[in-house]
Protein backbone atom coordinates (compact mmCIF):
# COMPACT_ATOMS: atom_id res chain seq x y z
CA UNK A 1 0.00 0.00 0.00
CA UNK A 2 1.12 3.52 -0.75
CA UNK A 3 2.36 5.29 2.38
CA UNK A 4 2.85 8.78 0.86
CA UNK A 5 -0.20 10.58 2.21
CA UNK A 6 0.87 14.11 1.28
CA UNK A 7 -1.90 14.37 -1.32
CA UNK A 8 -4.64 13.03 0.94
CA UNK A 9 -7.91 14.85 1.41
CA UNK A 10 -9.21 14.04 4.91
CA UNK A 11 -12.81 13.89 6.17
CA UNK A 12 -14.38 13.45 9.61
CA UNK A 13 -17.52 11.58 10.44
CA UNK A 14 -20.72 13.60 10.51
CA UNK A 15 -21.16 12.11 14.01
CA UNK A 16 -18.05 13.94 15.23
CA UNK A 17 -19.65 16.34 17.71
CA UNK A 18 -17.41 15.74 20.71
CA UNK A 19 -15.08 18.72 20.35
CA UNK A 20 -13.22 17.43 17.33
CA UNK A 21 -11.70 14.35 18.89
CA UNK A 22 -12.35 11.85 16.15
CA UNK A 23 -10.71 9.78 13.49
CA UNK A 24 -10.41 11.04 9.96
CA UNK A 25 -10.32 8.98 6.77
CA UNK A 26 -9.17 9.68 3.25
CA UNK A 27 -10.81 8.40 0.10
CA UNK A 28 -7.94 9.72 -2.04
CA UNK A 29 -6.31 6.31 -2.60
CA UNK A 30 -8.26 3.70 -4.55
CA UNK A 31 -8.24 0.37 -2.75
CA UNK A 32 -6.79 1.80 0.48
CA UNK A 33 -8.36 3.77 3.33
CA UNK A 34 -5.89 5.77 5.45
CA UNK A 35 -7.18 6.52 8.99
CA UNK A 36 -5.64 9.06 11.37
CA UNK A 37 -6.31 10.76 14.70
CA UNK A 38 -7.84 14.19 14.10
CA UNK A 39 -5.98 15.58 17.14
CA UNK A 40 -2.63 14.65 15.54
CA UNK A 41 -2.93 15.40 11.80
CA UNK A 42 0.84 15.29 11.31
CA UNK A 43 1.11 11.97 13.16
CA UNK A 44 0.96 8.47 11.74
CA UNK A 45 -1.96 6.98 9.84
CA UNK A 46 -3.12 3.40 9.64
CA UNK A 47 -3.75 2.01 6.16
CA UNK A 48 -6.56 -0.49 5.60
CA UNK A 49 -7.63 -2.33 2.46
CA UNK A 50 -10.87 -0.69 1.31
CA UNK A 51 -12.85 -3.94 1.60
CA UNK A 52 -11.73 -4.47 5.18
CA UNK A 53 -12.66 -0.88 6.09
CA UNK A 54 -16.10 -1.31 4.53
CA UNK A 55 -16.61 -4.53 6.53
CA UNK A 56 -15.69 -2.67 9.73
CA UNK A 57 -18.05 0.24 8.97
CA UNK A 58 -20.89 -2.19 8.18
CA UNK A 59 -20.29 -4.04 11.46
CA UNK A 60 -20.42 -0.76 13.41
CA UNK A 61 -23.64 0.26 11.68
CA UNK A 62 -25.17 -3.14 12.45
CA UNK A 63 -24.30 -2.87 16.16
CA UNK A 64 -21.92 -5.82 16.13
CA UNK A 65 -19.64 -4.14 18.68
CA UNK A 66 -22.36 -3.36 21.21
CA UNK A 67 -24.17 -0.16 22.08
CA UNK A 68 -22.55 3.25 21.74
PDB file of N, CA and C in Angstrom:
ATOM      1  N   UNK A   1       0.832  -1.187   0.000  1.00  0.00           N
ATOM      2  CA  UNK A   1       0.000   0.000   0.000  1.00  0.00           C
ATOM      3  C   UNK A   1       0.874   1.247   0.000  1.00  0.00           C
ATOM      4  N   UNK A   2       0.403   2.259  -0.664  1.00  0.00           N
ATOM      5  CA  UNK A   2       1.120   3.521  -0.751  1.00  0.00           C
ATOM      6  C   UNK A   2       1.126   4.215   0.614  1.00  0.00           C
ATOM      7  N   UNK A   3       2.307   4.617   1.076  1.00  0.00           N
ATOM      8  CA  UNK A   3       2.364   5.292   2.379  1.00  0.00           C
ATOM      9  C   UNK A   3       2.640   6.790   2.268  1.00  0.00           C
ATOM     10  N   UNK A   4       2.701   7.337   1.046  1.00  0.00           N
ATOM     11  CA  UNK A   4       2.853   8.783   0.863  1.00  0.00           C
ATOM     12  C   UNK A   4       1.461   9.409   0.895  1.00  0.00           C
ATOM     13  N   UNK A   5       1.141  10.020   2.011  1.00  0.00           N
ATOM     14  CA  UNK A   5      -0.197  10.575   2.208  1.00  0.00           C
ATOM     15  C   UNK A   5      -0.236  12.089   2.016  1.00  0.00           C
ATOM     16  N   UNK A   6       0.800  12.649   1.418  1.00  0.00           N
ATOM     17  CA  UNK A   6       0.871  14.107   1.277  1.00  0.00           C
ATOM     18  C   UNK A   6      -0.261  14.674   0.416  1.00  0.00           C
ATOM     19  N   UNK A   7      -0.817  13.886  -0.478  1.00  0.00           N
ATOM     20  CA  UNK A   7      -1.904  14.371  -1.318  1.00  0.00           C
ATOM     21  C   UNK A   7      -3.286  14.000  -0.816  1.00  0.00           C
ATOM     22  N   UNK A   8      -3.360  13.500   0.401  1.00  0.00           N
ATOM     23  CA  UNK A   8      -4.639  13.029   0.943  1.00  0.00           C
ATOM     24  C   UNK A   8      -5.576  14.186   1.261  1.00  0.00           C
ATOM     25  N   UNK A   9      -6.834  13.951   1.000  1.00  0.00           N
ATOM     26  CA  UNK A   9      -7.907  14.854   1.411  1.00  0.00           C
ATOM     27  C   UNK A   9      -8.652  14.134   2.531  1.00  0.00           C
ATOM     28  N   UNK A  10      -8.696  14.712   3.720  1.00  0.00           N
ATOM     29  CA  UNK A  10      -9.215  14.040   4.911  1.00  0.00           C
ATOM     30  C   UNK A  10     -10.634  14.505   5.230  1.00  0.00           C
ATOM     31  N   UNK A  11     -11.448  13.570   5.736  1.00  0.00           N
ATOM     32  CA  UNK A  11     -12.809  13.892   6.172  1.00  0.00           C
ATOM     33  C   UNK A  11     -13.068  13.283   7.541  1.00  0.00           C
ATOM     34  N   UNK A  12     -13.928  13.950   8.305  1.00  0.00           N
ATOM     35  CA  UNK A  12     -14.377  13.446   9.608  1.00  0.00           C
ATOM     36  C   UNK A  12     -15.797  12.935   9.480  1.00  0.00           C
ATOM     37  N   UNK A  13     -16.160  12.080  10.385  1.00  0.00           N
ATOM     38  CA  UNK A  13     -17.522  11.576  10.439  1.00  0.00           C
ATOM     39  C   UNK A  13     -18.493  12.707  10.749  1.00  0.00           C
ATOM     40  N   UNK A  14     -19.681  12.620  10.183  1.00  0.00           N
ATOM     41  CA  UNK A  14     -20.718  13.598  10.511  1.00  0.00           C
ATOM     42  C   UNK A  14     -21.180  13.438  11.953  1.00  0.00           C
ATOM     43  N   UNK A  15     -20.823  12.343  12.603  1.00  0.00           N
ATOM     44  CA  UNK A  15     -21.157  12.113  14.005  1.00  0.00           C
ATOM     45  C   UNK A  15     -20.124  12.718  14.949  1.00  0.00           C
ATOM     46  N   UNK A  16     -19.107  13.360  14.419  1.00  0.00           N
ATOM     47  CA  UNK A  16     -18.046  13.938  15.226  1.00  0.00           C
ATOM     48  C   UNK A  16     -18.522  15.248  15.844  1.00  0.00           C
ATOM     49  N   UNK A  17     -19.148  15.151  17.017  1.00  0.00           N
ATOM     50  CA  UNK A  17     -19.650  16.340  17.705  1.00  0.00           C
ATOM     51  C   UNK A  17     -19.068  16.465  19.105  1.00  0.00           C
ATOM     52  N   UNK A  18     -17.971  15.773  19.358  1.00  0.00           N
ATOM     53  CA  UNK A  18     -17.406  15.738  20.707  1.00  0.00           C
ATOM     54  C   UNK A  18     -16.190  16.646  20.854  1.00  0.00           C
ATOM     55  N   UNK A  19     -16.199  17.797  20.224  1.00  0.00           N
ATOM     56  CA  UNK A  19     -15.080  18.717  20.352  1.00  0.00           C
ATOM     57  C   UNK A  19     -13.961  18.444  19.368  1.00  0.00           C
ATOM     58  N   UNK A  20     -14.221  17.665  18.346  1.00  0.00           N
ATOM     59  CA  UNK A  20     -13.216  17.432  17.328  1.00  0.00           C
ATOM     60  C   UNK A  20     -12.322  16.243  17.553  1.00  0.00           C
ATOM     61  N   UNK A  21     -12.532  15.507  18.630  1.00  0.00           N
ATOM     62  CA  UNK A  21     -11.701  14.346  18.892  1.00  0.00           C
ATOM     63  C   UNK A  21     -12.296  13.143  18.183  1.00  0.00           C
ATOM     64  N   UNK A  22     -11.763  12.870  17.010  1.00  0.00           N
ATOM     65  CA  UNK A  22     -12.351  11.850  16.153  1.00  0.00           C
ATOM     66  C   UNK A  22     -11.263  11.283  15.260  1.00  0.00           C
ATOM     67  N   UNK A  23     -11.603  10.257  14.532  1.00  0.00           N
ATOM     68  CA  UNK A  23     -10.715   9.783  13.490  1.00  0.00           C
ATOM     69  C   UNK A  23     -11.115  10.442  12.180  1.00  0.00           C
ATOM     70  N   UNK A  24     -10.162  10.524  11.286  1.00  0.00           N
ATOM     71  CA  UNK A  24     -10.408  11.037   9.956  1.00  0.00           C
ATOM     72  C   UNK A  24     -10.002   9.958   8.966  1.00  0.00           C
ATOM     73  N   UNK A  25     -10.688   9.908   7.823  1.00  0.00           N
ATOM     74  CA  UNK A  25     -10.317   8.982   6.772  1.00  0.00           C
ATOM     75  C   UNK A  25     -10.067   9.760   5.492  1.00  0.00           C
ATOM     76  N   UNK A  26      -9.388   9.108   4.578  1.00  0.00           N
ATOM     77  CA  UNK A  26      -9.172   9.685   3.254  1.00  0.00           C
ATOM     78  C   UNK A  26      -9.675   8.696   2.214  1.00  0.00           C
ATOM     79  N   UNK A  27     -10.355   9.218   1.225  1.00  0.00           N
ATOM     80  CA  UNK A  27     -10.808   8.400   0.096  1.00  0.00           C
ATOM     81  C   UNK A  27      -9.975   8.715  -1.145  1.00  0.00           C
ATOM     82  N   UNK A  28      -8.795   9.272  -0.935  1.00  0.00           N
ATOM     83  CA  UNK A  28      -7.937   9.718  -2.038  1.00  0.00           C
ATOM     84  C   UNK A  28      -7.127   8.602  -2.687  1.00  0.00           C
ATOM     85  N   UNK A  29      -7.164   7.394  -2.128  1.00  0.00           N
ATOM     86  CA  UNK A  29      -6.305   6.313  -2.597  1.00  0.00           C
ATOM     87  C   UNK A  29      -7.142   5.080  -2.913  1.00  0.00           C
ATOM     88  N   UNK A  30      -7.426   4.842  -4.181  1.00  0.00           N
ATOM     89  CA  UNK A  30      -8.260   3.697  -4.553  1.00  0.00           C
ATOM     90  C   UNK A  30      -7.726   2.390  -3.965  1.00  0.00           C
ATOM     91  N   UNK A  31      -8.611   1.654  -3.319  1.00  0.00           N
ATOM     92  CA  UNK A  31      -8.243   0.366  -2.746  1.00  0.00           C
ATOM     93  C   UNK A  31      -7.668   0.421  -1.350  1.00  0.00           C
ATOM     94  N   UNK A  32      -7.392   1.635  -0.849  1.00  0.00           N
ATOM     95  CA  UNK A  32      -6.787   1.801   0.479  1.00  0.00           C
ATOM     96  C   UNK A  32      -7.500   2.927   1.212  1.00  0.00           C
ATOM     97  N   UNK A  33      -7.754   2.721   2.494  1.00  0.00           N
ATOM     98  CA  UNK A  33      -8.358   3.765   3.331  1.00  0.00           C
ATOM     99  C   UNK A  33      -7.376   4.131   4.443  1.00  0.00           C
ATOM    100  N   UNK A  34      -6.709   5.291   4.349  1.00  0.00           N
ATOM    101  CA  UNK A  34      -5.894   5.773   5.452  1.00  0.00           C
ATOM    102  C   UNK A  34      -6.807   6.321   6.562  1.00  0.00           C
ATOM    103  N   UNK A  35      -6.426   6.064   7.814  1.00  0.00           N
ATOM    104  CA  UNK A  35      -7.178   6.520   8.986  1.00  0.00           C
ATOM    105  C   UNK A  35      -6.186   7.175   9.936  1.00  0.00           C
ATOM    106  N   UNK A  36      -6.542   8.370  10.431  1.00  0.00           N
ATOM    107  CA  UNK A  36      -5.641   9.059  11.371  1.00  0.00           C
ATOM    108  C   UNK A  36      -6.436   9.686  12.506  1.00  0.00           C
ATOM    109  N   UNK A  37      -5.735  10.080  13.545  1.00  0.00           N
ATOM    110  CA  UNK A  37      -6.307  10.755  14.700  1.00  0.00           C
ATOM    111  C   UNK A  37      -6.434  12.241  14.369  1.00  0.00           C
ATOM    112  N   UNK A  38      -7.636  12.788  14.471  1.00  0.00           N
ATOM    113  CA  UNK A  38      -7.839  14.193  14.105  1.00  0.00           C
ATOM    114  C   UNK A  38      -7.073  15.154  15.010  1.00  0.00           C
ATOM    115  N   UNK A  39      -6.729  14.719  16.224  1.00  0.00           N
ATOM    116  CA  UNK A  39      -5.976  15.582  17.140  1.00  0.00           C
ATOM    117  C   UNK A  39      -4.497  15.644  16.774  1.00  0.00           C
ATOM    118  N   UNK A  40      -4.041  14.728  15.910  1.00  0.00           N
ATOM    119  CA  UNK A  40      -2.630  14.650  15.536  1.00  0.00           C
ATOM    120  C   UNK A  40      -2.507  14.497  14.019  1.00  0.00           C
ATOM    121  N   UNK A  41      -2.911  15.530  13.259  1.00  0.00           N
ATOM    122  CA  UNK A  41      -2.933  15.398  11.804  1.00  0.00           C
ATOM    123  C   UNK A  41      -1.564  15.174  11.164  1.00  0.00           C
ATOM    124  N   UNK A  42      -0.510  15.515  11.849  1.00  0.00           N
ATOM    125  CA  UNK A  42       0.840  15.285  11.314  1.00  0.00           C
ATOM    126  C   UNK A  42       1.404  13.946  11.782  1.00  0.00           C
ATOM    127  N   UNK A  43       0.664  13.251  12.632  1.00  0.00           N
ATOM    128  CA  UNK A  43       1.105  11.968  13.158  1.00  0.00           C
ATOM    129  C   UNK A  43       0.886  10.843  12.176  1.00  0.00           C
ATOM    130  N   UNK A  44       1.081   9.627  12.633  1.00  0.00           N
ATOM    131  CA  UNK A  44       0.959   8.468  11.743  1.00  0.00           C
ATOM    132  C   UNK A  44      -0.491   8.185  11.356  1.00  0.00           C
ATOM    133  N   UNK A  45      -0.640   7.433  10.292  1.00  0.00           N
ATOM    134  CA  UNK A  45      -1.961   6.980   9.838  1.00  0.00           C
ATOM    135  C   UNK A  45      -1.888   5.461   9.683  1.00  0.00           C
ATOM    136  N   UNK A  46      -2.993   4.833   9.907  1.00  0.00           N
ATOM    137  CA  UNK A  46      -3.119   3.401   9.640  1.00  0.00           C
ATOM    138  C   UNK A  46      -3.714   3.245   8.252  1.00  0.00           C
ATOM    139  N   UNK A  47      -3.253   2.256   7.508  1.00  0.00           N
ATOM    140  CA  UNK A  47      -3.747   2.007   6.155  1.00  0.00           C
ATOM    141  C   UNK A  47      -4.491   0.678   6.136  1.00  0.00           C
ATOM    142  N   UNK A  48      -5.734   0.710   5.665  1.00  0.00           N
ATOM    143  CA  UNK A  48      -6.558  -0.492   5.600  1.00  0.00           C
ATOM    144  C   UNK A  48      -6.977  -0.751   4.164  1.00  0.00           C
ATOM    145  N   UNK A  49      -7.030  -2.031   3.764  1.00  0.00           N
ATOM    146  CA  UNK A  49      -7.628  -2.328   2.462  1.00  0.00           C
ATOM    147  C   UNK A  49      -9.076  -1.847   2.470  1.00  0.00           C
ATOM    148  N   UNK A  50      -9.529  -1.280   1.364  1.00  0.00           N
ATOM    149  CA  UNK A  50     -10.874  -0.693   1.309  1.00  0.00           C
ATOM    150  C   UNK A  50     -11.961  -1.690   1.681  1.00  0.00           C
ATOM    151  N   UNK A  51     -11.845  -2.930   1.261  1.00  0.00           N
ATOM    152  CA  UNK A  51     -12.847  -3.943   1.599  1.00  0.00           C
ATOM    153  C   UNK A  51     -12.915  -4.222   3.083  1.00  0.00           C
ATOM    154  N   UNK A  52     -11.766  -4.254   3.733  1.00  0.00           N
ATOM    155  CA  UNK A  52     -11.735  -4.469   5.181  1.00  0.00           C
ATOM    156  C   UNK A  52     -12.354  -3.296   5.920  1.00  0.00           C
ATOM    157  N   UNK A  53     -12.069  -2.073   5.461  1.00  0.00           N
ATOM    158  CA  UNK A  53     -12.660  -0.883   6.086  1.00  0.00           C
ATOM    159  C   UNK A  53     -14.177  -0.904   5.939  1.00  0.00           C
ATOM    160  N   UNK A  54     -14.662  -1.269   4.750  1.00  0.00           N
ATOM    161  CA  UNK A  54     -16.102  -1.313   4.532  1.00  0.00           C
ATOM    162  C   UNK A  54     -16.752  -2.365   5.430  1.00  0.00           C
ATOM    163  N   UNK A  55     -16.090  -3.503   5.622  1.00  0.00           N
ATOM    164  CA  UNK A  55     -16.612  -4.533   6.531  1.00  0.00           C
ATOM    165  C   UNK A  55     -16.703  -4.001   7.958  1.00  0.00           C
ATOM    166  N   UNK A  56     -15.693  -3.260   8.386  1.00  0.00           N
ATOM    167  CA  UNK A  56     -15.693  -2.671   9.728  1.00  0.00           C
ATOM    168  C   UNK A  56     -16.838  -1.663   9.876  1.00  0.00           C
ATOM    169  N   UNK A  57     -16.987  -0.769   8.905  1.00  0.00           N
ATOM    170  CA  UNK A  57     -18.049   0.238   8.965  1.00  0.00           C
ATOM    171  C   UNK A  57     -19.417  -0.438   9.000  1.00  0.00           C
ATOM    172  N   UNK A  58     -19.608  -1.464   8.191  1.00  0.00           N
ATOM    173  CA  UNK A  58     -20.886  -2.189   8.183  1.00  0.00           C
ATOM    174  C   UNK A  58     -21.155  -2.839   9.534  1.00  0.00           C
ATOM    175  N   UNK A  59     -20.126  -3.410  10.144  1.00  0.00           N
ATOM    176  CA  UNK A  59     -20.289  -4.037  11.457  1.00  0.00           C
ATOM    177  C   UNK A  59     -20.666  -3.008  12.517  1.00  0.00           C
ATOM    178  N   UNK A  60     -20.063  -1.829  12.463  1.00  0.00           N
ATOM    179  CA  UNK A  60     -20.416  -0.763  13.406  1.00  0.00           C
ATOM    180  C   UNK A  60     -21.871  -0.353  13.209  1.00  0.00           C
ATOM    181  N   UNK A  61     -22.257  -0.143  11.972  1.00  0.00           N
ATOM    182  CA  UNK A  61     -23.644   0.260  11.684  1.00  0.00           C
ATOM    183  C   UNK A  61     -24.659  -0.783  12.126  1.00  0.00           C
ATOM    184  N   UNK A  62     -24.264  -2.048  12.059  1.00  0.00           N
ATOM    185  CA  UNK A  62     -25.165  -3.144  12.452  1.00  0.00           C
ATOM    186  C   UNK A  62     -25.124  -3.454  13.939  1.00  0.00           C
ATOM    187  N   UNK A  63     -24.357  -2.688  14.708  1.00  0.00           N
ATOM    188  CA  UNK A  63     -24.299  -2.870  16.156  1.00  0.00           C
ATOM    189  C   UNK A  63     -23.534  -4.093  16.607  1.00  0.00           C
ATOM    190  N   UNK A  64     -22.648  -4.618  15.791  1.00  0.00           N
ATOM    191  CA  UNK A  64     -21.919  -5.824  16.127  1.00  0.00           C
ATOM    192  C   UNK A  64     -20.878  -5.637  17.234  1.00  0.00           C
ATOM    193  N   UNK A  65     -20.604  -4.407  17.621  1.00  0.00           N
ATOM    194  CA  UNK A  65     -19.636  -4.141  18.679  1.00  0.00           C
ATOM    195  C   UNK A  65     -20.311  -3.657  19.955  1.00  0.00           C
ATOM    196  N   UNK A  66     -21.625  -3.793  20.036  1.00  0.00           N
ATOM    197  CA  UNK A  66     -22.360  -3.355  21.206  1.00  0.00           C
ATOM    198  C   UNK A  66     -22.918  -1.956  21.035  1.00  0.00           C
ATOM    199  N   UNK A  67     -23.550  -1.489  22.086  1.00  0.00           N
ATOM    200  CA  UNK A  67     -24.171  -0.157  22.076  1.00  0.00           C
ATOM    201  C   UNK A  67     -23.112   0.924  22.163  1.00  0.00           C
ATOM    202  N   UNK A  68     -23.474   2.109  21.665  1.00  0.00           N
ATOM    203  CA  UNK A  68     -22.547   3.249  21.739  1.00  0.00           C
ATOM    204  C   UNK A  68     -22.492   3.798  23.118  1.00  0.00           C
TER     205      UNK A  68
END
